[in-house]
């Protein structure tokens, strides 16, 4: 998974953004259209999306909505449209912030760093009786430690961070194992089974990790 997905149809601006962000140490991928952005995000994911509104085909508002339907990944809108209703629409659809074009690259970098800093500042992630220590990589349930493998920990974190969202099997697999993994997607099914055995009161009748038939899984906590 890359740190930042840039969705921008202006090639020169996209290249410029890539250069600045990579100089700051971020991994970056780009998409010049809404369709490609959704394909890349659904296959590989990203920790932050920089999203232009005026895109060929599917516009940025539709991309924002589609991403928000499946993930809580931060979205920063880049727009030359300064109409108040456009700004409100983006925020209502789930964008975390916006910056107007033409923008100061230093201000954009500062916003990006701020988003990542807030994310890293979260030492714990909790839902109900389950708490993840993000620094130590440990999990407790009702205060009692649970033994978790690294993959189980990342899988549980992905679910809790996207509570209530249906995540496809392909999306989960690519986020946890990577698209170039030699493992097969069946390994996800096995890890779901192991995780349910550790956190579900009755693994045969799961109440936390629900199967969405024909699609994937959803965390209800």
C-alpha atoms as a PDB file:
ATOM      1  CA  UNK A   1       0.000   0.000   0.000  1.00  0.00           C
ATOM      2  CA  UNK A   2       1.303   3.477  -0.894  1.00  0.00           C
ATOM      3  CA  UNK A   3       1.235   6.433   1.481  1.00  0.00           C
ATOM      4  CA  UNK A   4      -0.503   8.790  -0.955  1.00  0.00           C
ATOM      5  CA  UNK A   5      -2.684   8.366  -4.041  1.00  0.00           C
ATOM      6  CA  UNK A   6      -2.736  11.525  -6.178  1.00  0.00           C
ATOM      7  CA  UNK A   7      -5.820  11.844  -8.379  1.00  0.00           C
ATOM      8  CA  UNK A   8      -5.064  14.653 -10.818  1.00  0.00           C
ATOM      9  CA  UNK A   9      -5.635  14.928 -14.583  1.00  0.00           C
ATOM     10  CA  UNK A  10      -3.076  17.732 -15.026  1.00  0.00           C
ATOM     11  CA  UNK A  11       0.060  15.710 -15.773  1.00  0.00           C
ATOM     12  CA  UNK A  12       2.537  18.503 -15.042  1.00  0.00           C
ATOM     13  CA  UNK A  13       0.922  19.245 -11.683  1.00  0.00           C
ATOM     14  CA  UNK A  14       0.756  15.544 -10.859  1.00  0.00           C
ATOM     15  CA  UNK A  15       4.478  15.089 -11.567  1.00  0.00           C
ATOM     16  CA  UNK A  16       5.305  18.168  -9.494  1.00  0.00           C
ATOM     17  CA  UNK A  17       3.296  16.857  -6.539  1.00  0.00           C
ATOM     18  CA  UNK A  18       4.971  13.467  -6.811  1.00  0.00           C
ATOM     19  CA  UNK A  19       8.427  15.016  -6.753  1.00  0.00           C
ATOM     20  CA  UNK A  20       7.722  17.128  -3.670  1.00  0.00           C
ATOM     21  CA  UNK A  21       5.989  14.352  -1.735  1.00  0.00           C
ATOM     22  CA  UNK A  22       8.635  11.752  -2.556  1.00  0.00           C
ATOM     23  CA  UNK A  23      11.288  14.227  -1.432  1.00  0.00           C
ATOM     24  CA  UNK A  24       9.477  14.228   1.934  1.00  0.00           C
ATOM     25  CA  UNK A  25       9.812  10.444   2.097  1.00  0.00           C
ATOM     26  CA  UNK A  26       6.278   9.414   1.075  1.00  0.00           C
ATOM     27  CA  UNK A  27       5.497   6.611  -1.371  1.00  0.00           C
ATOM     28  CA  UNK A  28       3.164   7.863  -4.079  1.00  0.00           C
ATOM     29  CA  UNK A  29       1.025   6.576  -6.943  1.00  0.00           C
ATOM     30  CA  UNK A  30      -1.015   8.604  -9.423  1.00  0.00           C
ATOM     31  CA  UNK A  31      -4.265   8.399 -11.367  1.00  0.00           C
ATOM     32  CA  UNK A  32      -5.366  10.772 -14.102  1.00  0.00           C
ATOM     33  CA  UNK A  33      -9.048   9.805 -14.004  1.00  0.00           C
ATOM     34  CA  UNK A  34     -11.719   8.863 -11.502  1.00  0.00           C
ATOM     35  CA  UNK A  35     -12.029   5.371 -12.950  1.00  0.00           C
ATOM     36  CA  UNK A  36      -8.327   4.651 -12.590  1.00  0.00           C
ATOM     37  CA  UNK A  37      -8.293   6.124  -9.086  1.00  0.00           C
ATOM     38  CA  UNK A  38     -11.031   3.760  -7.933  1.00  0.00           C
ATOM     39  CA  UNK A  39      -9.327   0.789  -9.572  1.00  0.00           C
ATOM     40  CA  UNK A  40      -6.013   1.561  -7.861  1.00  0.00           C
ATOM     41  CA  UNK A  41      -7.610   2.237  -4.482  1.00  0.00           C
ATOM     42  CA  UNK A  42      -9.764  -0.881  -4.513  1.00  0.00           C
ATOM     43  CA  UNK A  43      -6.791  -3.025  -5.518  1.00  0.00           C
ATOM     44  CA  UNK A  44      -3.954  -1.506  -3.492  1.00  0.00           C
ATOM     45  CA  UNK A  45      -5.381   1.019  -1.026  1.00  0.00           C
ATOM     46  CA  UNK A  46      -3.651   4.208   0.192  1.00  0.00           C
ATOM     47  CA  UNK A  47      -3.131   5.957   3.520  1.00  0.00           C
ATOM     48  CA  UNK A  48      -4.171   9.324   2.077  1.00  0.00           C
ATOM     49  CA  UNK A  49      -5.930  10.420  -1.123  1.00  0.00           C
ATOM     50  CA  UNK A  50      -5.247  13.825  -2.736  1.00  0.00           C
ATOM     51  CA  UNK A  51      -8.289  14.255  -4.937  1.00  0.00           C
ATOM     52  CA  UNK A  52      -8.968  16.757  -7.718  1.00  0.00           C
ATOM     53  CA  UNK A  53     -12.655  17.487  -8.372  1.00  0.00           C
ATOM     54  CA  UNK A  54     -12.566  18.270 -12.105  1.00  0.00           C
ATOM     55  CA  UNK A  55     -11.722  14.881 -13.593  1.00  0.00           C
ATOM     56  CA  UNK A  56     -12.603  13.306 -16.938  1.00  0.00           C
ATOM     57  CA  UNK A  57     -15.353  10.698 -16.640  1.00  0.00           C
ATOM     58  CA  UNK A  58     -16.205  10.097 -13.000  1.00  0.00           C
ATOM     59  CA  UNK A  59     -15.696  13.378 -11.151  1.00  0.00           C
ATOM     60  CA  UNK A  60     -13.992  13.844  -7.798  1.00  0.00           C
ATOM     61  CA  UNK A  61     -17.239  13.985  -5.837  1.00  0.00           C
ATOM     62  CA  UNK A  62     -18.225  10.528  -7.087  1.00  0.00           C
ATOM     63  CA  UNK A  63     -14.736   9.189  -6.354  1.00  0.00           C
ATOM     64  CA  UNK A  64     -14.918  10.619  -2.823  1.00  0.00           C
ATOM     65  CA  UNK A  65     -18.280   8.981  -2.228  1.00  0.00           C
ATOM     66  CA  UNK A  66     -17.131   5.594  -3.564  1.00  0.00           C
ATOM     67  CA  UNK A  67     -13.966   5.602  -1.460  1.00  0.00           C
ATOM     68  CA  UNK A  68     -15.881   6.617   1.652  1.00  0.00           C
ATOM     69  CA  UNK A  69     -18.317   3.724   1.113  1.00  0.00           C
ATOM     70  CA  UNK A  70     -15.482   1.252   1.672  1.00  0.00           C
ATOM     71  CA  UNK A  71     -12.826   3.013   3.728  1.00  0.00           C
ATOM     72  CA  UNK A  72     -12.104   5.746   6.274  1.00  0.00           C
ATOM     73  CA  UNK A  73      -8.876   6.724   4.515  1.00  0.00           C
ATOM     74  CA  UNK A  74      -8.311  10.504   4.788  1.00  0.00           C
ATOM     75  CA  UNK A  75      -9.264  12.458   1.645  1.00  0.00           C
ATOM     76  CA  UNK A  76      -7.862  15.917   0.900  1.00  0.00           C
ATOM     77  CA  UNK A  77      -9.672  17.650  -1.955  1.00  0.00           C
ATOM     78  CA  UNK A  78      -7.675  19.797  -4.377  1.00  0.00           C
ATOM     79  CA  UNK A  79      -9.969  22.147  -6.251  1.00  0.00           C
ATOM     80  CA  UNK A  80     -10.097  25.257  -8.382  1.00  0.00           C
ATOM     81  CA  UNK A  81     -13.837  25.397  -7.699  1.00  0.00           C
ATOM     82  CA  UNK A  82     -14.234  27.786  -4.789  1.00  0.00           C
ATOM     83  CA  UNK A  83     -18.027  27.782  -4.730  1.00  0.00           C
ATOM     84  CA  UNK A  84     -19.298  27.370  -1.156  1.00  0.00           C
ATOM     85  CA  UNK A  85     -21.718  24.618  -2.155  1.00  0.00           C
ATOM     86  CA  UNK A  86     -18.921  22.635  -3.815  1.00  0.00           C
ATOM     87  CA  UNK A  87     -16.842  22.833  -0.646  1.00  0.00           C
ATOM     88  CA  UNK A  88     -19.785  21.775   1.494  1.00  0.00           C
ATOM     89  CA  UNK A  89     -20.621  18.942  -0.892  1.00  0.00           C
ATOM     90  CA  UNK A  90     -17.107  17.553  -0.635  1.00  0.00           C
ATOM     91  CA  UNK A  91     -17.149  17.667   3.157  1.00  0.00           C
ATOM     92  CA  UNK A  92     -20.625  16.127   3.323  1.00  0.00           C
ATOM     93  CA  UNK A  93     -19.477  13.265   1.083  1.00  0.00           C
ATOM     94  CA  UNK A  94     -16.707  12.500   3.555  1.00  0.00           C
ATOM     95  CA  UNK A  95     -13.646  14.552   2.563  1.00  0.00           C
ATOM     96  CA  UNK A  96     -11.466  15.492   5.536  1.00  0.00           C
ATOM     97  CA  UNK A  97     -10.231  18.822   4.205  1.00  0.00           C
ATOM     98  CA  UNK A  98      -9.751  20.829   1.016  1.00  0.00           C
ATOM     99  CA  UNK A  99      -7.208  23.204  -0.455  1.00  0.00           C
ATOM    100  CA  UNK A 100      -7.858  25.680  -3.259  1.00  0.00           C
ATOM    101  CA  UNK A 101      -5.922  25.837  -6.510  1.00  0.00           C
ATOM    102  CA  UNK A 102      -3.541  27.403  -7.185  1.00  0.00           C
ATOM    103  CA  UNK A 103      -2.106  26.355  -3.856  1.00  0.00           C
ATOM    104  CA  UNK A 104       1.164  26.955  -2.058  1.00  0.00           C
ATOM    105  CA  UNK A 105       3.068  23.658  -2.138  1.00  0.00           C
ATOM    106  CA  UNK A 106       4.414  24.300   1.373  1.00  0.00           C
ATOM    107  CA  UNK A 107       0.868  24.645   2.709  1.00  0.00           C
ATOM    108  CA  UNK A 108      -0.167  21.424   0.964  1.00  0.00           C
ATOM    109  CA  UNK A 109       2.830  19.562   2.402  1.00  0.00           C
ATOM    110  CA  UNK A 110       1.986  20.949   5.853  1.00  0.00           C
ATOM    111  CA  UNK A 111      -1.597  19.688   5.549  1.00  0.00           C
ATOM    112  CA  UNK A 112      -0.362  16.257   4.450  1.00  0.00           C
ATOM    113  CA  UNK A 113       2.086  16.066   7.355  1.00  0.00           C
ATOM    114  CA  UNK A 114      -0.655  17.152   9.743  1.00  0.00           C
ATOM    115  CA  UNK A 115      -2.953  14.351   8.596  1.00  0.00           C
ATOM    116  CA  UNK A 116      -0.249  11.711   9.009  1.00  0.00           C
ATOM    117  CA  UNK A 117       0.813  13.146  12.374  1.00  0.00           C
ATOM    118  CA  UNK A 118      -2.734  12.908  13.705  1.00  0.00           C
ATOM    119  CA  UNK A 119      -2.953   9.328  12.527  1.00  0.00           C
ATOM    120  CA  UNK A 120       0.356   8.361  14.112  1.00  0.00           C
ATOM    121  CA  UNK A 121      -0.609  10.123  17.338  1.00  0.00           C
ATOM    122  CA  UNK A 122      -3.191   7.428  17.955  1.00  0.00           C
ATOM    123  CA  UNK A 123      -1.421   5.052  20.344  1.00  0.00           C
ATOM    124  CA  UNK A 124      -4.495   2.888  20.908  1.00  0.00           C
ATOM    125  CA  UNK A 125      -7.413   1.795  18.769  1.00  0.00           C
ATOM    126  CA  UNK A 126     -10.470   0.498  20.599  1.00  0.00           C
ATOM    127  CA  UNK A 127     -13.902  -0.843  19.814  1.00  0.00           C
ATOM    128  CA  UNK A 128     -16.039  -2.203  22.598  1.00  0.00           C
ATOM    129  CA  UNK A 129     -14.013  -4.567  24.764  1.00  0.00           C
ATOM    130  CA  UNK A 130     -11.154  -4.884  22.257  1.00  0.00           C
ATOM    131  CA  UNK A 131      -8.128  -2.569  22.352  1.00  0.00           C
ATOM    132  CA  UNK A 132      -5.164  -2.539  19.983  1.00  0.00           C
ATOM    133  CA  UNK A 133      -1.863  -1.069  21.164  1.00  0.00           C
ATOM    134  CA  UNK A 134      -0.666   0.364  17.839  1.00  0.00           C
ATOM    135  CA  UNK A 135       2.830   1.016  19.145  1.00  0.00           C
ATOM    136  CA  UNK A 136       3.423  -2.339  20.777  1.00  0.00           C
ATOM    137  CA  UNK A 137       1.365  -4.392  18.341  1.00  0.00           C
ATOM    138  CA  UNK A 138      -0.634  -6.129  21.080  1.00  0.00           C
ATOM    139  CA  UNK A 139      -4.357  -6.790  21.550  1.00  0.00           C
ATOM    140  CA  UNK A 140      -6.440  -7.051  24.704  1.00  0.00           C
ATOM    141  CA  UNK A 141     -10.044  -8.135  25.224  1.00  0.00           C
ATOM    142  CA  UNK A 142     -11.663  -7.020  28.473  1.00  0.00           C
ATOM    143  CA  UNK A 143      -8.155  -6.178  29.654  1.00  0.00           C
ATOM    144  CA  UNK A 144      -6.804  -9.672  28.984  1.00  0.00           C
ATOM    145  CA  UNK A 145      -4.032 -10.138  26.439  1.00  0.00           C
ATOM    146  CA  UNK A 146      -4.763 -12.034  23.220  1.00  0.00           C
ATOM    147  CA  UNK A 147      -2.045 -13.790  21.268  1.00  0.00           C
ATOM    148  CA  UNK A 148      -2.052 -12.415  17.726  1.00  0.00           C
ATOM    149  CA  UNK A 149       0.161 -12.989  14.718  1.00  0.00           C
ATOM    150  CA  UNK A 150       1.276  -9.898  12.785  1.00  0.00           C
ATOM    151  CA  UNK A 151      -1.239 -10.637   9.999  1.00  0.00           C
ATOM    152  CA  UNK A 152      -4.082 -11.140  12.470  1.00  0.00           C
ATOM    153  CA  UNK A 153      -3.207  -7.850  14.154  1.00  0.00           C
ATOM    154  CA  UNK A 154      -3.203  -5.935  10.849  1.00  0.00           C
ATOM    155  CA  UNK A 155      -6.423  -7.635   9.787  1.00  0.00           C
ATOM    156  CA  UNK A 156      -8.153  -6.694  13.040  1.00  0.00           C
ATOM    157  CA  UNK A 157      -6.853  -3.123  12.757  1.00  0.00           C
ATOM    158  CA  UNK A 158      -8.166  -2.818   9.194  1.00  0.00           C
ATOM    159  CA  UNK A 159     -11.602  -4.012  10.284  1.00  0.00           C
ATOM    160  CA  UNK A 160     -11.881  -1.686  13.281  1.00  0.00           C
ATOM    161  CA  UNK A 161     -10.640   1.333  11.306  1.00  0.00           C
ATOM    162  CA  UNK A 162     -13.386   0.642   8.769  1.00  0.00           C
ATOM    163  CA  UNK A 163     -16.200  -0.308  11.128  1.00  0.00           C
ATOM    164  CA  UNK A 164     -19.539  -0.769   9.385  1.00  0.00           C
ATOM    165  CA  UNK A 165     -17.938  -0.793   5.925  1.00  0.00           C
ATOM    166  CA  UNK A 166     -18.173  -3.842   3.678  1.00  0.00           C
ATOM    167  CA  UNK A 167     -14.634  -4.682   2.536  1.00  0.00           C
ATOM    168  CA  UNK A 168     -14.209  -6.958  -0.461  1.00  0.00           C
ATOM    169  CA  UNK A 169     -11.967  -9.990  -0.168  1.00  0.00           C
ATOM    170  CA  UNK A 170      -9.685  -8.605  -2.870  1.00  0.00           C
ATOM    171  CA  UNK A 171      -9.355  -5.263  -1.072  1.00  0.00           C
ATOM    172  CA  UNK A 172      -8.519  -6.919   2.263  1.00  0.00           C
ATOM    173  CA  UNK A 173      -6.045  -9.341   0.695  1.00  0.00           C
ATOM    174  CA  UNK A 174      -4.197  -6.616  -1.207  1.00  0.00           C
ATOM    175  CA  UNK A 175      -4.053  -4.380   1.883  1.00  0.00           C
ATOM    176  CA  UNK A 176      -2.710  -7.099   4.200  1.00  0.00           C
ATOM    177  CA  UNK A 177      -0.691  -9.402   1.949  1.00  0.00           C
ATOM    178  CA  UNK A 178       0.016  -7.129  -1.017  1.00  0.00           C
ATOM    179  CA  UNK A 179      -0.912  -7.580  -4.662  1.00  0.00           C
ATOM    180  CA  UNK A 180       2.432  -9.222  -5.435  1.00  0.00           C
ATOM    181  CA  UNK A 181       2.099 -11.809  -2.671  1.00  0.00           C
ATOM    182  CA  UNK A 182       2.601 -15.445  -3.609  1.00  0.00           C
ATOM    183  CA  UNK A 183      -0.117 -16.404  -1.150  1.00  0.00           C
ATOM    184  CA  UNK A 184      -3.600 -17.236  -2.425  1.00  0.00           C
ATOM    185  CA  UNK A 185      -6.744 -15.402  -1.376  1.00  0.00           C
ATOM    186  CA  UNK A 186      -7.844 -18.564   0.438  1.00  0.00           C
ATOM    187  CA  UNK A 187      -5.336 -17.643   3.142  1.00  0.00           C
ATOM    188  CA  UNK A 188      -7.623 -14.716   4.024  1.00  0.00           C
ATOM    189  CA  UNK A 189     -10.467 -17.135   4.777  1.00  0.00           C
ATOM    190  CA  UNK A 190      -8.162 -19.092   7.072  1.00  0.00           C
ATOM    191  CA  UNK A 191      -7.037 -15.971   8.935  1.00  0.00           C
ATOM    192  CA  UNK A 192     -10.643 -14.814   9.342  1.00  0.00           C
ATOM    193  CA  UNK A 193     -11.412 -18.175  10.927  1.00  0.00           C
ATOM    194  CA  UNK A 194      -8.464 -17.870  13.322  1.00  0.00           C
ATOM    195  CA  UNK A 195      -9.365 -14.300  14.228  1.00  0.00           C
ATOM    196  CA  UNK A 196     -12.988 -15.227  14.949  1.00  0.00           C
ATOM    197  CA  UNK A 197     -11.808 -18.007  17.262  1.00  0.00           C
ATOM    198  CA  UNK A 198      -9.922 -15.427  19.313  1.00  0.00           C
ATOM    199  CA  UNK A 199     -12.447 -12.594  19.512  1.00  0.00           C
ATOM    200  CA  UNK A 200     -15.930 -14.020  18.931  1.00  0.00           C
ATOM    201  CA  UNK A 201     -17.983 -15.376  21.863  1.00  0.00           C
ATOM    202  CA  UNK A 202     -19.220 -18.051  19.429  1.00  0.00           C
ATOM    203  CA  UNK A 203     -17.010 -18.335  16.315  1.00  0.00           C
ATOM    204  CA  UNK A 204     -19.684 -20.408  14.561  1.00  0.00           C
ATOM    205  CA  UNK A 205     -22.185 -17.543  14.963  1.00  0.00           C
ATOM    206  CA  UNK A 206     -19.964 -14.465  14.533  1.00  0.00           C
ATOM    207  CA  UNK A 207     -21.299 -11.117  15.709  1.00  0.00           C
ATOM    208  CA  UNK A 208     -18.199  -8.992  15.075  1.00  0.00           C
ATOM    209  CA  UNK A 209     -16.740 -10.086  11.735  1.00  0.00           C
ATOM    210  CA  UNK A 210     -19.748 -10.651   9.503  1.00  0.00           C
ATOM    211  CA  UNK A 211     -19.624 -12.380   6.131  1.00  0.00           C
ATOM    212  CA  UNK A 212     -21.252 -10.373   3.349  1.00  0.00           C
ATOM    213  CA  UNK A 213     -22.037 -13.087   0.840  1.00  0.00           C
ATOM    214  CA  UNK A 214     -20.702 -12.494  -2.632  1.00  0.00           C
ATOM    215  CA  UNK A 215     -18.644  -9.503  -1.470  1.00  0.00           C
ATOM    216  CA  UNK A 216     -16.437  -9.904   1.592  1.00  0.00           C
ATOM    217  CA  UNK A 217     -16.603  -9.018   5.281  1.00  0.00           C
ATOM    218  CA  UNK A 218     -17.866  -6.246   7.574  1.00  0.00           C
ATOM    219  CA  UNK A 219     -16.821  -5.394  11.136  1.00  0.00           C
ATOM    220  CA  UNK A 220     -19.724  -4.615  13.443  1.00  0.00           C
ATOM    221  CA  UNK A 221     -17.817  -4.751  16.720  1.00  0.00           C
END
